[in-house]
Amino acid sequence: MKKSELKKAIVSSYKKINPLKIILFGSWCRDEEDKYSDVDIIVIYETKKRFLDRLEELYLMWDIPIAFDMLAYTPEEFEKMLREKNPFIEKINREGEVIYERTKTG
């Protein structure tokens, strides 16, 4: 699968939850993927669900035939981790590729 096709498929998979932002990181972001690479993404969206329940919800929506790892945060959680200078989140924010960002009109 081409990277452009992958990005479209990811956005299509999660459009129904109206995410604030989807960030691709890892080997696919760096154009270093190979046949063994999984897809690494962060989905930021408004939800009241617990962290593990969010992951379950988003895993069930994934319909792309590539292995993946995902993290799901609320906008407040993501901003808090940035404010607290979480090294993992800072690196993703700096080096990751935002493949979807909601417009002001939603």
PDB file of N, CA and C in Angstrom:
ATOM      1  N   MET A   1       0.846  -1.181   0.000  1.00  0.00           N
ATOM      2  CA  MET A   1       0.000   0.000   0.000  1.00  0.00           C
ATOM      3  C   MET A   1       0.888   1.240   0.000  1.00  0.00           C
ATOM      4  N   LYS A   2       0.518   2.202  -0.802  1.00  0.00           N
ATOM      5  CA  LYS A   2       1.251   3.471  -0.833  1.00  0.00           C
ATOM      6  C   LYS A   2       0.883   4.306   0.388  1.00  0.00           C
ATOM      7  N   LYS A   3       1.812   5.161   0.787  1.00  0.00           N
ATOM      8  CA  LYS A   3       1.582   6.005   1.958  1.00  0.00           C
ATOM      9  C   LYS A   3       0.358   6.895   1.761  1.00  0.00           C
ATOM     10  N   SER A   4       0.177   7.446   0.581  1.00  0.00           N
ATOM     11  CA  SER A   4      -0.980   8.321   0.335  1.00  0.00           C
ATOM     12  C   SER A   4      -2.288   7.544   0.491  1.00  0.00           C
ATOM     13  N   GLU A   5      -2.308   6.292   0.034  1.00  0.00           N
ATOM     14  CA  GLU A   5      -3.502   5.451   0.185  1.00  0.00           C
ATOM     15  C   GLU A   5      -3.745   5.124   1.652  1.00  0.00           C
ATOM     16  N   LEU A   6      -2.667   4.842   2.368  1.00  0.00           N
ATOM     17  CA  LEU A   6      -2.778   4.531   3.788  1.00  0.00           C
ATOM     18  C   LEU A   6      -3.372   5.711   4.552  1.00  0.00           C
ATOM     19  N   LYS A   7      -2.870   6.906   4.297  1.00  0.00           N
ATOM     20  CA  LYS A   7      -3.368   8.091   5.003  1.00  0.00           C
ATOM     21  C   LYS A   7      -4.857   8.298   4.734  1.00  0.00           C
ATOM     22  N   LYS A   8      -5.276   8.142   3.482  1.00  0.00           N
ATOM     23  CA  LYS A   8      -6.701   8.287   3.152  1.00  0.00           C
ATOM     24  C   LYS A   8      -7.535   7.235   3.866  1.00  0.00           C
ATOM     25  N   ALA A   9      -7.033   6.000   3.919  1.00  0.00           N
ATOM     26  CA  ALA A   9      -7.768   4.918   4.572  1.00  0.00           C
ATOM     27  C   ALA A   9      -7.898   5.165   6.074  1.00  0.00           C
ATOM     28  N   ILE A  10      -6.842   5.665   6.694  1.00  0.00           N
ATOM     29  CA  ILE A  10      -6.893   5.960   8.133  1.00  0.00           C
ATOM     30  C   ILE A  10      -7.928   7.046   8.408  1.00  0.00           C
ATOM     31  N   VAL A  11      -7.870   8.114   7.662  1.00  0.00           N
ATOM     32  CA  VAL A  11      -8.821   9.221   7.856  1.00  0.00           C
ATOM     33  C   VAL A  11     -10.243   8.727   7.634  1.00  0.00           C
ATOM     34  N   SER A  12     -10.451   7.937   6.607  1.00  0.00           N
ATOM     35  CA  SER A  12     -11.777   7.396   6.315  1.00  0.00           C
ATOM     36  C   SER A  12     -12.279   6.513   7.461  1.00  0.00           C
ATOM     37  N   SER A  13     -11.393   5.716   8.036  1.00  0.00           N
ATOM     38  CA  SER A  13     -11.774   4.818   9.133  1.00  0.00           C
ATOM     39  C   SER A  13     -12.267   5.576  10.358  1.00  0.00           C
ATOM     40  N   TYR A  14     -11.686   6.738  10.622  1.00  0.00           N
ATOM     41  CA  TYR A  14     -11.981   7.452  11.861  1.00  0.00           C
ATOM     42  C   TYR A  14     -12.797   8.726  11.693  1.00  0.00           C
ATOM     43  N   LYS A  15     -13.187   9.044  10.489  1.00  0.00           N
ATOM     44  CA  LYS A  15     -13.962  10.271  10.234  1.00  0.00           C
ATOM     45  C   LYS A  15     -15.255  10.300  11.057  1.00  0.00           C
ATOM     46  N   LYS A  16     -15.874   9.140  11.266  1.00  0.00           N
ATOM     47  CA  LYS A  16     -17.171   9.083  11.955  1.00  0.00           C
ATOM     48  C   LYS A  16     -17.113   9.534  13.416  1.00  0.00           C
ATOM     49  N   ILE A  17     -15.920   9.502  14.042  1.00  0.00           N
ATOM     50  CA  ILE A  17     -15.826   9.972  15.433  1.00  0.00           C
ATOM     51  C   ILE A  17     -15.449  11.448  15.501  1.00  0.00           C
ATOM     52  N   ASN A  18     -15.334  12.082  14.339  1.00  0.00           N
ATOM     53  CA  ASN A  18     -15.023  13.508  14.251  1.00  0.00           C
ATOM     54  C   ASN A  18     -13.765  13.867  15.056  1.00  0.00           C
ATOM     55  N   PRO A  19     -12.628  13.231  14.725  1.00  0.00           N
ATOM     56  CA  PRO A  19     -11.414  13.508  15.500  1.00  0.00           C
ATOM     57  C   PRO A  19     -10.950  14.945  15.343  1.00  0.00           C
ATOM     58  N   LEU A  20     -10.286  15.427  16.357  1.00  0.00           N
ATOM     59  CA  LEU A  20      -9.661  16.740  16.275  1.00  0.00           C
ATOM     60  C   LEU A  20      -8.415  16.644  15.402  1.00  0.00           C
ATOM     61  N   LYS A  21      -7.668  15.547  15.600  1.00  0.00           N
ATOM     62  CA  LYS A  21      -6.403  15.393  14.884  1.00  0.00           C
ATOM     63  C   LYS A  21      -6.023  13.917  14.833  1.00  0.00           C
ATOM     64  N   ILE A  22      -5.382  13.517  13.737  1.00  0.00           N
ATOM     65  CA  ILE A  22      -4.786  12.185  13.621  1.00  0.00           C
ATOM     66  C   ILE A  22      -3.330  12.392  13.221  1.00  0.00           C
ATOM     67  N   ILE A  23      -2.432  11.789  13.988  1.00  0.00           N
ATOM     68  CA  ILE A  23      -0.995  11.948  13.747  1.00  0.00           C
ATOM     69  C   ILE A  23      -0.381  10.591  13.417  1.00  0.00           C
ATOM     70  N   LEU A  24       0.311  10.528  12.305  1.00  0.00           N
ATOM     71  CA  LEU A  24       1.065   9.344  11.903  1.00  0.00           C
ATOM     72  C   LEU A  24       2.497   9.528  12.388  1.00  0.00           C
ATOM     73  N   PHE A  25       3.060   8.490  12.996  1.00  0.00           N
ATOM     74  CA  PHE A  25       4.458   8.573  13.419  1.00  0.00           C
ATOM     75  C   PHE A  25       5.126   7.222  13.186  1.00  0.00           C
ATOM     76  N   GLY A  26       6.404   7.149  13.457  1.00  0.00           N
ATOM     77  CA  GLY A  26       7.118   5.889  13.267  1.00  0.00           C
ATOM     78  C   GLY A  26       7.611   5.714  11.840  1.00  0.00           C
ATOM     79  N   SER A  27       7.845   4.457  11.460  1.00  0.00           N
ATOM     80  CA  SER A  27       8.491   4.167  10.172  1.00  0.00           C
ATOM     81  C   SER A  27       7.691   4.663   8.970  1.00  0.00           C
ATOM     82  N   TRP A  28       6.359   4.577   9.021  1.00  0.00           N
ATOM     83  CA  TRP A  28       5.561   5.061   7.882  1.00  0.00           C
ATOM     84  C   TRP A  28       5.696   6.567   7.721  1.00  0.00           C
ATOM     85  N   CYS A  29       5.791   7.271   8.818  1.00  0.00           N
ATOM     86  CA  CYS A  29       5.956   8.726   8.770  1.00  0.00           C
ATOM     87  C   CYS A  29       7.314   9.101   8.186  1.00  0.00           C
ATOM     88  N   ARG A  30       8.326   8.327   8.530  1.00  0.00           N
ATOM     89  CA  ARG A  30       9.692   8.613   8.077  1.00  0.00           C
ATOM     90  C   ARG A  30      10.001   8.022   6.700  1.00  0.00           C
ATOM     91  N   ASP A  31       9.006   7.395   6.069  1.00  0.00           N
ATOM     92  CA  ASP A  31       9.202   6.712   4.782  1.00  0.00           C
ATOM     93  C   ASP A  31      10.266   5.623   4.883  1.00  0.00           C
ATOM     94  N   GLU A  32      10.280   4.925   6.012  1.00  0.00           N
ATOM     95  CA  GLU A  32      11.231   3.837   6.236  1.00  0.00           C
ATOM     96  C   GLU A  32      10.518   2.498   6.409  1.00  0.00           C
ATOM     97  N   GLU A  33       9.241   2.432   6.031  1.00  0.00           N
ATOM     98  CA  GLU A  33       8.478   1.212   6.241  1.00  0.00           C
ATOM     99  C   GLU A  33       8.978   0.087   5.333  1.00  0.00           C
ATOM    100  N   ASP A  34       8.785  -1.135   5.822  1.00  0.00           N
ATOM    101  CA  ASP A  34       9.046  -2.312   5.002  1.00  0.00           C
ATOM    102  C   ASP A  34       7.870  -3.267   5.202  1.00  0.00           C
ATOM    103  N   LYS A  35       7.975  -4.474   4.681  1.00  0.00           N
ATOM    104  CA  LYS A  35       6.830  -5.389   4.747  1.00  0.00           C
ATOM    105  C   LYS A  35       6.503  -5.825   6.177  1.00  0.00           C
ATOM    106  N   TYR A  36       7.399  -5.602   7.113  1.00  0.00           N
ATOM    107  CA  TYR A  36       7.164  -5.970   8.507  1.00  0.00           C
ATOM    108  C   TYR A  36       6.708  -4.791   9.370  1.00  0.00           C
ATOM    109  N   SER A  37       6.654  -3.615   8.808  1.00  0.00           N
ATOM    110  CA  SER A  37       6.321  -2.414   9.582  1.00  0.00           C
ATOM    111  C   SER A  37       4.842  -2.357   9.935  1.00  0.00           C
ATOM    112  N   ASP A  38       4.572  -1.914  11.147  1.00  0.00           N
ATOM    113  CA  ASP A  38       3.195  -1.618  11.505  1.00  0.00           C
ATOM    114  C   ASP A  38       2.981  -0.115  11.360  1.00  0.00           C
ATOM    115  N   VAL A  39       1.749   0.294  11.495  1.00  0.00           N
ATOM    116  CA  VAL A  39       1.380   1.702  11.389  1.00  0.00           C
ATOM    117  C   VAL A  39       1.199   2.236  12.809  1.00  0.00           C
ATOM    118  N   ASP A  40       1.796   3.365  13.098  1.00  0.00           N
ATOM    119  CA  ASP A  40       1.695   3.987  14.417  1.00  0.00           C
ATOM    120  C   ASP A  40       0.924   5.294  14.288  1.00  0.00           C
ATOM    121  N   ILE A  41      -0.170   5.410  15.041  1.00  0.00           N
ATOM    122  CA  ILE A  41      -0.961   6.640  14.980  1.00  0.00           C
ATOM    123  C   ILE A  41      -1.424   7.063  16.373  1.00  0.00           C
ATOM    124  N   ILE A  42      -1.692   8.345  16.474  1.00  0.00           N
ATOM    125  CA  ILE A  42      -2.378   8.913  17.633  1.00  0.00           C
ATOM    126  C   ILE A  42      -3.656   9.549  17.105  1.00  0.00           C
ATOM    127  N   VAL A  43      -4.767   9.216  17.747  1.00  0.00           N
ATOM    128  CA  VAL A  43      -6.051   9.823  17.411  1.00  0.00           C
ATOM    129  C   VAL A  43      -6.451  10.688  18.601  1.00  0.00           C
ATOM    130  N   ILE A  44      -6.711  11.950  18.329  1.00  0.00           N
ATOM    131  CA  ILE A  44      -7.116  12.896  19.374  1.00  0.00           C
ATOM    132  C   ILE A  44      -8.571  13.261  19.102  1.00  0.00           C
ATOM    133  N   TYR A  45      -9.436  12.947  20.073  1.00  0.00           N
ATOM    134  CA  TYR A  45     -10.859  13.236  19.880  1.00  0.00           C
ATOM    135  C   TYR A  45     -11.564  13.395  21.221  1.00  0.00           C
ATOM    136  N   GLU A  46     -12.709  14.069  21.172  1.00  0.00           N
ATOM    137  CA  GLU A  46     -13.485  14.285  22.381  1.00  0.00           C
ATOM    138  C   GLU A  46     -14.235  13.011  22.721  1.00  0.00           C
ATOM    139  N   THR A  47     -14.069  12.575  23.951  1.00  0.00           N
ATOM    140  CA  THR A  47     -14.769  11.391  24.428  1.00  0.00           C
ATOM    141  C   THR A  47     -14.752  11.386  25.949  1.00  0.00           C
ATOM    142  N   LYS A  48     -15.710  10.714  26.516  1.00  0.00           N
ATOM    143  CA  LYS A  48     -15.751  10.533  27.969  1.00  0.00           C
ATOM    144  C   LYS A  48     -15.313   9.114  28.338  1.00  0.00           C
ATOM    145  N   LYS A  49     -15.011   8.297  27.330  1.00  0.00           N
ATOM    146  CA  LYS A  49     -14.639   6.905  27.572  1.00  0.00           C
ATOM    147  C   LYS A  49     -13.273   6.808  28.244  1.00  0.00           C
ATOM    148  N   ARG A  50     -13.115   5.743  29.016  1.00  0.00           N
ATOM    149  CA  ARG A  50     -11.823   5.463  29.633  1.00  0.00           C
ATOM    150  C   ARG A  50     -10.812   5.105  28.543  1.00  0.00           C
ATOM    151  N   PHE A  51      -9.527   5.239  28.859  1.00  0.00           N
ATOM    152  CA  PHE A  51      -8.462   5.041  27.875  1.00  0.00           C
ATOM    153  C   PHE A  51      -8.578   3.690  27.162  1.00  0.00           C
ATOM    154  N   LEU A  52      -8.698   2.604  27.908  1.00  0.00           N
ATOM    155  CA  LEU A  52      -8.762   1.280  27.278  1.00  0.00           C
ATOM    156  C   LEU A  52     -10.029   1.102  26.454  1.00  0.00           C
ATOM    157  N   ASP A  53     -11.135   1.699  26.901  1.00  0.00           N
ATOM    158  CA  ASP A  53     -12.375   1.626  26.124  1.00  0.00           C
ATOM    159  C   ASP A  53     -12.244   2.384  24.807  1.00  0.00           C
ATOM    160  N   ARG A  54     -11.507   3.490  24.829  1.00  0.00           N
ATOM    161  CA  ARG A  54     -11.251   4.240  23.590  1.00  0.00           C
ATOM    162  C   ARG A  54     -10.478   3.383  22.605  1.00  0.00           C
ATOM    163  N   LEU A  55      -9.428   2.735  23.115  1.00  0.00           N
ATOM    164  CA  LEU A  55      -8.608   1.899  22.230  1.00  0.00           C
ATOM    165  C   LEU A  55      -9.448   0.798  21.602  1.00  0.00           C
ATOM    166  N   GLU A  56     -10.293   0.171  22.409  1.00  0.00           N
ATOM    167  CA  GLU A  56     -11.159  -0.881  21.873  1.00  0.00           C
ATOM    168  C   GLU A  56     -12.066  -0.323  20.775  1.00  0.00           C
ATOM    169  N   GLU A  57     -12.679   0.819  21.049  1.00  0.00           N
ATOM    170  CA  GLU A  57     -13.558   1.449  20.062  1.00  0.00           C
ATOM    171  C   GLU A  57     -12.816   1.697  18.747  1.00  0.00           C
ATOM    172  N   LEU A  58     -11.623   2.268  18.835  1.00  0.00           N
ATOM    173  CA  LEU A  58     -10.871   2.613  17.629  1.00  0.00           C
ATOM    174  C   LEU A  58     -10.297   1.383  16.935  1.00  0.00           C
ATOM    175  N   TYR A  59      -9.883   0.379  17.700  1.00  0.00           N
ATOM    176  CA  TYR A  59      -9.389  -0.855  17.084  1.00  0.00           C
ATOM    177  C   TYR A  59     -10.486  -1.518  16.257  1.00  0.00           C
ATOM    178  N   LEU A  60     -11.713  -1.478  16.758  1.00  0.00           N
ATOM    179  CA  LEU A  60     -12.822  -2.098  16.031  1.00  0.00           C
ATOM    180  C   LEU A  60     -13.161  -1.361  14.740  1.00  0.00           C
ATOM    181  N   MET A  61     -12.804  -0.095  14.646  1.00  0.00           N
ATOM    182  CA  MET A  61     -13.058   0.686  13.426  1.00  0.00           C
ATOM    183  C   MET A  61     -11.992   0.458  12.355  1.00  0.00           C
ATOM    184  N   TRP A  62     -10.825  -0.039  12.745  1.00  0.00           N
ATOM    185  CA  TRP A  62      -9.695  -0.214  11.818  1.00  0.00           C
ATOM    186  C   TRP A  62     -10.048  -1.298  10.803  1.00  0.00           C
ATOM    187  N   ASP A  63     -10.038  -0.962   9.531  1.00  0.00           N
ATOM    188  CA  ASP A  63     -10.338  -1.959   8.499  1.00  0.00           C
ATOM    189  C   ASP A  63      -9.280  -1.970   7.399  1.00  0.00           C
ATOM    190  N   ILE A  64      -8.051  -1.694   7.786  1.00  0.00           N
ATOM    191  CA  ILE A  64      -6.933  -1.635   6.847  1.00  0.00           C
ATOM    192  C   ILE A  64      -6.079  -2.888   7.084  1.00  0.00           C
ATOM    193  N   PRO A  65      -5.707  -3.602   6.016  1.00  0.00           N
ATOM    194  CA  PRO A  65      -4.993  -4.876   6.195  1.00  0.00           C
ATOM    195  C   PRO A  65      -3.500  -4.722   6.515  1.00  0.00           C
ATOM    196  N   ILE A  66      -3.193  -3.890   7.493  1.00  0.00           N
ATOM    197  CA  ILE A  66      -1.819  -3.679   7.948  1.00  0.00           C
ATOM    198  C   ILE A  66      -1.861  -3.646   9.476  1.00  0.00           C
ATOM    199  N   ALA A  67      -0.876  -4.266  10.112  1.00  0.00           N
ATOM    200  CA  ALA A  67      -0.803  -4.231  11.576  1.00  0.00           C
ATOM    201  C   ALA A  67      -0.621  -2.784  12.039  1.00  0.00           C
ATOM    202  N   PHE A  68      -1.127  -2.482  13.228  1.00  0.00           N
ATOM    203  CA  PHE A  68      -1.033  -1.099  13.695  1.00  0.00           C
ATOM    204  C   PHE A  68      -0.965  -1.022  15.209  1.00  0.00           C
ATOM    205  N   ASP A  69      -0.424   0.081  15.674  1.00  0.00           N
ATOM    206  CA  ASP A  69      -0.436   0.453  17.086  1.00  0.00           C
ATOM    207  C   ASP A  69      -1.045   1.838  17.169  1.00  0.00           C
ATOM    208  N   MET A  70      -1.873   2.024  18.165  1.00  0.00           N
ATOM    209  CA  MET A  70      -2.592   3.281  18.253  1.00  0.00           C
ATOM    210  C   MET A  70      -2.660   3.764  19.689  1.00  0.00           C
ATOM    211  N   LEU A  71      -2.659   5.072  19.829  1.00  0.00           N
ATOM    212  CA  LEU A  71      -2.933   5.719  21.098  1.00  0.00           C
ATOM    213  C   LEU A  71      -4.102   6.661  20.869  1.00  0.00           C
ATOM    214  N   ALA A  72      -4.940   6.812  21.887  1.00  0.00           N
ATOM    215  CA  ALA A  72      -6.112   7.673  21.758  1.00  0.00           C
ATOM    216  C   ALA A  72      -6.185   8.594  22.967  1.00  0.00           C
ATOM    217  N   TYR A  73      -6.176   9.880  22.697  1.00  0.00           N
ATOM    218  CA  TYR A  73      -6.205  10.878  23.761  1.00  0.00           C
ATOM    219  C   TYR A  73      -7.310  11.889  23.514  1.00  0.00           C
ATOM    220  N   THR A  74      -7.782  12.475  24.603  1.00  0.00           N
ATOM    221  CA  THR A  74      -8.666  13.624  24.462  1.00  0.00           C
ATOM    222  C   THR A  74      -7.776  14.833  24.168  1.00  0.00           C
ATOM    223  N   PRO A  75      -8.338  15.910  23.632  1.00  0.00           N
ATOM    224  CA  PRO A  75      -7.531  17.110  23.401  1.00  0.00           C
ATOM    225  C   PRO A  75      -6.872  17.614  24.689  1.00  0.00           C
ATOM    226  N   GLU A  76      -7.596  17.531  25.795  1.00  0.00           N
ATOM    227  CA  GLU A  76      -7.060  18.007  27.072  1.00  0.00           C
ATOM    228  C   GLU A  76      -5.871  17.157  27.529  1.00  0.00           C
ATOM    229  N   GLU A  77      -5.980  15.848  27.367  1.00  0.00           N
ATOM    230  CA  GLU A  77      -4.876  14.961  27.754  1.00  0.00           C
ATOM    231  C   GLU A  77      -3.631  15.237  26.916  1.00  0.00           C
ATOM    232  N   PHE A  78      -3.830  15.401  25.615  1.00  0.00           N
ATOM    233  CA  PHE A  78      -2.695  15.633  24.723  1.00  0.00           C
ATOM    234  C   PHE A  78      -2.015  16.959  25.063  1.00  0.00           C
ATOM    235  N   GLU A  79      -2.811  18.006  25.254  1.00  0.00           N
ATOM    236  CA  GLU A  79      -2.249  19.318  25.608  1.00  0.00           C
ATOM    237  C   GLU A  79      -1.529  19.277  26.952  1.00  0.00           C
ATOM    238  N   LYS A  80      -2.086  18.544  27.910  1.00  0.00           N
ATOM    239  CA  LYS A  80      -1.442  18.421  29.224  1.00  0.00           C
ATOM    240  C   LYS A  80      -0.077  17.751  29.083  1.00  0.00           C
ATOM    241  N   MET A  81       0.004  16.692  28.281  1.00  0.00           N
ATOM    242  CA  MET A  81       1.292  16.011  28.090  1.00  0.00           C
ATOM    243  C   MET A  81       2.304  16.926  27.406  1.00  0.00           C
ATOM    244  N   LEU A  82       1.836  17.769  26.498  1.00  0.00           N
ATOM    245  CA  LEU A  82       2.741  18.741  25.872  1.00  0.00           C
ATOM    246  C   LEU A  82       3.225  19.768  26.894  1.00  0.00           C
ATOM    247  N   ARG A  83       2.302  20.279  27.705  1.00  0.00           N
ATOM    248  CA  ARG A  83       2.674  21.261  28.739  1.00  0.00           C
ATOM    249  C   ARG A  83       3.673  20.676  29.732  1.00  0.00           C
ATOM    250  N   GLU A  84       3.484  19.398  30.056  1.00  0.00           N
ATOM    251  CA  GLU A  84       4.366  18.729  31.014  1.00  0.00           C
ATOM    252  C   GLU A  84       5.650  18.223  30.360  1.00  0.00           C
ATOM    253  N   LYS A  85       5.802  18.509  29.081  1.00  0.00           N
ATOM    254  CA  LYS A  85       7.007  18.143  28.330  1.00  0.00           C
ATOM    255  C   LYS A  85       7.274  16.636  28.325  1.00  0.00           C
ATOM    256  N   ASN A  86       6.202  15.859  28.119  1.00  0.00           N
ATOM    257  CA  ASN A  86       6.335  14.412  27.967  1.00  0.00           C
ATOM    258  C   ASN A  86       7.226  14.150  26.754  1.00  0.00           C
ATOM    259  N   PRO A  87       8.391  13.516  26.931  1.00  0.00           N
ATOM    260  CA  PRO A  87       9.342  13.370  25.821  1.00  0.00           C
ATOM    261  C   PRO A  87       8.781  12.599  24.630  1.00  0.00           C
ATOM    262  N   PHE A  88       7.996  11.569  24.889  1.00  0.00           N
ATOM    263  CA  PHE A  88       7.400  10.780  23.809  1.00  0.00           C
ATOM    264  C   PHE A  88       6.439  11.634  22.985  1.00  0.00           C
ATOM    265  N   ILE A  89       5.563  12.341  23.664  1.00  0.00           N
ATOM    266  CA  ILE A  89       4.571  13.177  22.981  1.00  0.00           C
ATOM    267  C   ILE A  89       5.244  14.357  22.286  1.00  0.00           C
ATOM    268  N   GLU A  90       6.245  14.949  22.928  1.00  0.00           N
ATOM    269  CA  GLU A  90       6.972  16.050  22.277  1.00  0.00           C
ATOM    270  C   GLU A  90       7.624  15.591  20.975  1.00  0.00           C
ATOM    271  N   LYS A  91       8.220  14.401  20.984  1.00  0.00           N
ATOM    272  CA  LYS A  91       8.868  13.874  19.777  1.00  0.00           C
ATOM    273  C   LYS A  91       7.840  13.642  18.671  1.00  0.00           C
ATOM    274  N   ILE A  92       6.707  13.058  19.033  1.00  0.00           N
ATOM    275  CA  ILE A  92       5.657  12.824  18.036  1.00  0.00           C
ATOM    276  C   ILE A  92       5.124  14.150  17.515  1.00  0.00           C
ATOM    277  N   ASN A  93       4.928  15.104  18.391  1.00  0.00           N
ATOM    278  CA  ASN A  93       4.427  16.411  17.973  1.00  0.00           C
ATOM    279  C   ASN A  93       5.416  17.112  17.039  1.00  0.00           C
ATOM    280  N   ARG A  94       6.692  16.886  17.262  1.00  0.00           N
ATOM    281  CA  ARG A  94       7.747  17.508  16.462  1.00  0.00           C
ATOM    282  C   ARG A  94       7.986  16.758  15.140  1.00  0.00           C
ATOM    283  N   GLU A  95       7.995  15.426  15.191  1.00  0.00           N
ATOM    284  CA  GLU A  95       8.399  14.634  14.035  1.00  0.00           C
ATOM    285  C   GLU A  95       7.263  13.911  13.327  1.00  0.00           C
ATOM    286  N   GLY A  96       6.118  13.794  13.995  1.00  0.00           N
ATOM    287  CA  GLY A  96       4.990  13.095  13.389  1.00  0.00           C
ATOM    288  C   GLY A  96       4.363  13.918  12.273  1.00  0.00           C
ATOM    289  N   GLU A  97       3.528  13.257  11.499  1.00  0.00           N
ATOM    290  CA  GLU A  97       2.832  13.919  10.394  1.00  0.00           C
ATOM    291  C   GLU A  97       1.342  13.983  10.702  1.00  0.00           C
ATOM    292  N   VAL A  98       0.807  15.176  10.791  1.00  0.00           N
ATOM    293  CA  VAL A  98      -0.631  15.338  10.995  1.00  0.00           C
ATOM    294  C   VAL A  98      -1.298  14.988   9.666  1.00  0.00           C
ATOM    295  N   ILE A  99      -2.041  13.876   9.667  1.00  0.00           N
ATOM    296  CA  ILE A  99      -2.687  13.455   8.415  1.00  0.00           C
ATOM    297  C   ILE A  99      -4.142  13.898   8.351  1.00  0.00           C
ATOM    298  N   TYR A 100      -4.664  14.357   9.491  1.00  0.00           N
ATOM    299  CA  TYR A 100      -6.011  14.925   9.509  1.00  0.00           C
ATOM    300  C   TYR A 100      -6.080  15.923  10.649  1.00  0.00           C
ATOM    301  N   GLU A 101      -6.706  17.065  10.371  1.00  0.00           N
ATOM    302  CA  GLU A 101      -6.977  18.044  11.419  1.00  0.00           C
ATOM    303  C   GLU A 101      -8.325  18.664  11.123  1.00  0.00           C
ATOM    304  N   ARG A 102      -9.204  18.598  12.114  1.00  0.00           N
ATOM    305  CA  ARG A 102     -10.555  19.118  11.944  1.00  0.00           C
ATOM    306  C   ARG A 102     -10.519  20.623  11.730  1.00  0.00           C
ATOM    307  N   THR A 103     -11.340  21.074  10.810  1.00  0.00           N
ATOM    308  CA  THR A 103     -11.465  22.514  10.587  1.00  0.00           C
ATOM    309  C   THR A 103     -12.378  23.097  11.659  1.00  0.00           C
ATOM    310  N   LYS A 104     -12.375  24.400  11.783  1.00  0.00           N
ATOM    311  CA  LYS A 104     -13.204  25.073  12.799  1.00  0.00           C
ATOM    312  C   LYS A 104     -14.684  24.746  12.640  1.00  0.00           C
ATOM    313  N   THR A 105     -15.126  24.507  11.409  1.00  0.00           N
ATOM    314  CA  THR A 105     -16.537  24.216  11.174  1.00  0.00           C
ATOM    315  C   THR A 105     -16.871  22.757  11.420  1.00  0.00           C
ATOM    316  N   GLY A 106     -15.852  21.923  11.704  1.00  0.00           N
ATOM    317  CA  GLY A 106     -16.071  20.539  12.056  1.00  0.00           C
ATOM    318  C   GLY A 106     -16.117  19.646  10.870  1.00  0.00           C
TER     319      GLY A 106
END
